[in-house]
Protein backbone atom coordinates (compact mmCIF):
# COMPACT_ATOMS: atom_id res chain seq x y z
CA MET A 1 -36.83 83.48 -56.90
CA LYS A 2 -39.76 85.50 -55.71
CA LYS A 3 -38.86 84.52 -52.18
CA GLU A 4 -35.30 85.72 -52.64
CA THR A 5 -36.47 89.00 -54.14
CA ASN A 6 -38.80 89.59 -51.23
CA ALA A 7 -35.94 88.88 -48.78
CA VAL A 8 -33.68 91.36 -50.58
CA ILE A 9 -36.41 94.00 -50.59
CA GLU A 10 -37.06 93.37 -46.89
CA ALA A 11 -33.32 93.67 -46.13
CA LEU A 12 -33.06 96.89 -48.12
CA GLY A 13 -36.08 98.28 -46.27
CA MET A 14 -34.45 97.50 -42.94
CA LEU A 15 -31.25 99.08 -44.16
CA VAL A 16 -33.13 102.22 -45.17
CA VAL A 17 -34.83 102.36 -41.77
CA ALA A 18 -31.46 101.98 -40.04
CA LEU A 19 -29.88 104.71 -42.20
CA VAL A 20 -32.78 107.06 -41.50
CA ALA A 21 -32.47 106.40 -37.76
CA LEU A 22 -28.73 107.00 -37.94
CA ALA A 23 -29.23 110.20 -39.93
CA MET A 24 -31.81 111.44 -37.44
CA ALA A 25 -29.49 110.74 -34.54
CA PHE A 26 -26.68 112.58 -36.33
CA VAL A 27 -28.92 115.58 -37.04
CA LYS A 28 -30.11 115.64 -33.46
CA GLU A 29 -26.53 115.49 -32.13
CA THR A 30 -25.38 118.18 -34.57
CA ARG A 31 -28.21 120.49 -33.58
CA MET A 32 -27.44 120.08 -29.91
CA VAL A 33 -23.82 121.03 -30.49
CA ALA A 34 -24.37 123.79 -33.02
CA LEU A 35 -27.55 125.22 -31.52
CA PRO A 36 -27.46 124.91 -27.73
CA SER A 37 -30.85 124.82 -26.11
CA ALA A 38 -32.15 127.86 -24.25
CA ASP A 39 -31.75 126.26 -20.82
CA LYS A 40 -27.98 125.87 -21.22
CA ASP A 41 -25.67 128.75 -20.23
CA ASP A 42 -23.97 130.62 -23.07
CA ASP A 43 -20.68 130.25 -21.21
CA ASP A 44 -20.92 126.45 -21.32
CA ASP A 45 -17.87 125.38 -23.36
CA ASP A 46 -19.40 121.92 -23.95
CA ALA A 47 -21.99 123.51 -26.26
CA GLU A 48 -19.28 124.69 -28.66
CA THR A 49 -17.56 122.69 -31.32
CA PRO A 50 -13.79 122.70 -31.07
CA ALA A 51 -13.59 124.99 -34.10
CA GLN A 52 -16.02 127.46 -32.51
CA LYS A 53 -14.14 127.42 -29.24
CA LYS A 54 -10.82 128.01 -31.01
CA LYS A 55 -12.31 130.92 -32.95
CA ARG A 56 -13.84 132.46 -29.81
CA LEU A 57 -10.61 132.17 -27.84
CA ALA A 58 -8.61 133.69 -30.69
CA ALA A 59 -11.04 136.62 -30.87
CA GLU A 60 -10.80 137.16 -27.11
CA LYS A 61 -7.01 137.05 -27.25
CA ALA A 62 -6.94 139.57 -30.11
CA ALA A 63 -9.30 141.89 -28.23
CA LYS A 64 -7.11 141.73 -25.11
CA ALA A 65 -3.97 142.43 -27.16
CA LYS A 66 -5.66 145.40 -28.86
CA ALA A 67 -6.82 146.81 -25.51
CA LYS A 68 -3.34 146.38 -24.04
CA ALA A 69 -1.73 148.10 -27.05
CA ALA A 70 -4.18 150.99 -26.78
CA GLU A 71 -3.43 151.31 -23.06
CA GLU A 72 0.32 151.33 -23.70
CA ASP A 73 -0.15 153.89 -26.45
CA ASP A 74 -2.02 156.16 -24.04
CA ASP A 75 0.69 155.74 -21.41
CA ASP A 76 3.64 156.29 -23.76
CA ASP A 77 2.54 159.29 -25.86
CA ASP A 78 6.02 160.83 -25.75
CA ASP A 79 7.85 157.59 -26.61
CA ASP A 80 9.38 157.98 -30.09
CA ASP A 81 9.87 154.21 -30.48
CA ALA A 82 6.08 153.67 -30.44
CA GLU A 83 5.56 156.10 -33.34
CA THR A 84 5.31 155.02 -36.91
CA PRO A 85 7.71 156.77 -39.27
CA ALA A 86 4.82 158.81 -40.69
CA GLN A 87 3.73 159.91 -37.22
CA LYS A 88 7.29 160.86 -36.29
CA LYS A 89 7.72 162.85 -39.51
CA LYS A 90 4.45 164.68 -38.87
CA ARG A 91 5.41 165.44 -35.25
CA LEU A 92 8.86 166.72 -36.23
CA ALA A 93 7.36 168.91 -38.96
CA ALA A 94 4.91 170.38 -36.46
CA GLU A 95 7.74 171.06 -33.99
CA LYS A 96 9.81 172.69 -36.72
CA ALA A 97 6.86 174.85 -37.79
CA ALA A 98 6.24 175.89 -34.19
CA LYS A 99 9.90 176.87 -33.77
CA ALA A 100 9.85 178.84 -37.03
CA LYS A 101 6.65 180.58 -35.97
CA ALA A 102 8.17 181.50 -32.60
CA LYS A 103 11.33 182.76 -34.31
CA ALA A 104 9.30 184.83 -36.78
CA LYS A 105 7.24 186.27 -33.94
CA ALA A 106 10.39 187.20 -32.05
CA ALA A 107 11.85 188.79 -35.19
CA GLU A 108 8.59 190.66 -35.75
CA GLU A 109 8.70 191.97 -32.19
CA ASP A 110 12.30 193.06 -32.75
CA ASP A 111 11.23 194.77 -35.98
CA ASP A 112 8.38 196.47 -34.14
CA ASP A 113 10.84 197.69 -31.53
CA ASP A 114 13.20 198.87 -34.28
CA ASP A 115 10.31 200.57 -36.07
CA ALA A 116 9.34 202.36 -32.88
CA ASP A 117 12.94 203.53 -32.51
CA ASP A 118 12.99 204.55 -36.17
CA ASP A 119 9.84 206.59 -35.77
CA ASP A 120 11.26 208.37 -32.74
CA ASP A 121 14.56 209.26 -34.44
CA ALA A 122 13.34 209.85 -38.01
CA ASP A 123 12.58 213.26 -39.42
CA ASP A 124 9.01 213.84 -40.47
CA ASP A 125 10.25 214.57 -44.01
CA GLY A 126 12.34 211.38 -44.53
CA PRO A 127 11.08 207.95 -45.59
CA THR A 128 10.53 205.22 -43.01
CA LEU A 129 11.56 201.59 -42.97
CA GLU A 130 7.93 200.67 -43.60
CA GLN A 131 7.92 202.76 -46.77
CA LEU A 132 11.09 201.00 -47.95
CA ARG A 133 9.51 197.61 -47.23
CA LYS A 134 6.33 198.57 -49.04
CA VAL A 135 8.32 199.38 -52.19
CA ALA A 136 10.65 196.36 -51.84
CA LYS A 137 7.91 193.78 -51.22
CA PRO A 138 6.65 193.54 -54.84
CA LEU A 139 10.24 193.45 -56.07
CA VAL A 140 11.01 190.49 -53.81
CA ALA A 141 7.82 188.80 -55.00
CA ASP A 142 9.07 189.21 -58.60
CA GLY A 143 12.35 187.52 -57.66
CA ARG A 144 14.49 190.65 -57.76
CA THR A 145 16.12 190.13 -54.35
CA ALA A 146 19.62 190.15 -55.85
CA GLU A 147 19.04 193.61 -57.33
CA ILE A 148 17.83 194.91 -53.95
CA LYS A 149 20.97 193.54 -52.28
CA GLU A 150 23.12 195.28 -54.92
CA ILE A 151 21.46 198.57 -54.01
CA LEU A 152 22.07 197.97 -50.29
CA GLU A 153 25.69 196.83 -50.71
CA PRO A 154 27.35 200.28 -50.94
CA TYR A 155 25.65 201.19 -47.65
CA ASP A 156 27.11 198.13 -45.84
CA ALA A 157 23.69 196.53 -45.38
CA GLU A 158 22.41 193.15 -46.50
CA THR A 159 18.81 193.82 -45.52
CA LEU A 160 16.64 196.89 -45.18
CA THR A 161 16.66 196.60 -41.39
CA GLU A 162 20.48 196.84 -41.38
CA LEU A 163 20.38 200.01 -43.45
CA ASN A 164 21.26 203.25 -41.68
CA LYS A 165 18.32 205.68 -41.56
CA LYS A 166 20.28 208.47 -43.19
CA HIS A 167 20.39 206.39 -46.42
CA TYR A 168 16.64 205.63 -46.56
CA ALA A 169 15.85 208.41 -49.05
CA LYS A 170 18.61 207.40 -51.51
CA VAL A 171 17.71 203.68 -51.31
CA LEU A 172 13.99 204.41 -51.66
CA LYS A 173 14.68 206.42 -54.82
CA LYS A 174 16.75 203.55 -56.28
CA LEU A 175 14.12 200.95 -55.33
CA LYS A 176 11.40 202.98 -57.05
CA ALA A 177 13.60 203.16 -60.14
CA LEU A 178 13.60 199.34 -60.37
């Protein structure tokens, strides 16, 4: 029985040696694949595992797609189809604001022209459109626009600028009374 035990121990020893050799070969092979040696080129696809290669190729493809999309975006800045709904909404709001600003500027220039005409034709004693506006502005801010329009109605005017200059004094007196 001692002989049989020694044979089993010897066989197990050989088995252990074989397993260690196999493990070492596996580790060596794994290291060569996972960690390419310094003398191999980085571009050598044989040094990559299939999973690494797949990941690298996917990353390259994504980078190319992103670059292409950025290039198309630069080329098609005025293309509404490329805009997100939020971008389109923001652009339209900016355009609307620009139009309103231009319209207000044009109206202001017209008012300035009207004011210049008013100053030329007005008596030095009578009130000016600017004086009417100065009195009406706080009333409008208080939400009393309807009352102002009621005052202007008998003079066939909806706004102060439509009011005939000869009625400025009467309207100014009524506005001050509010």
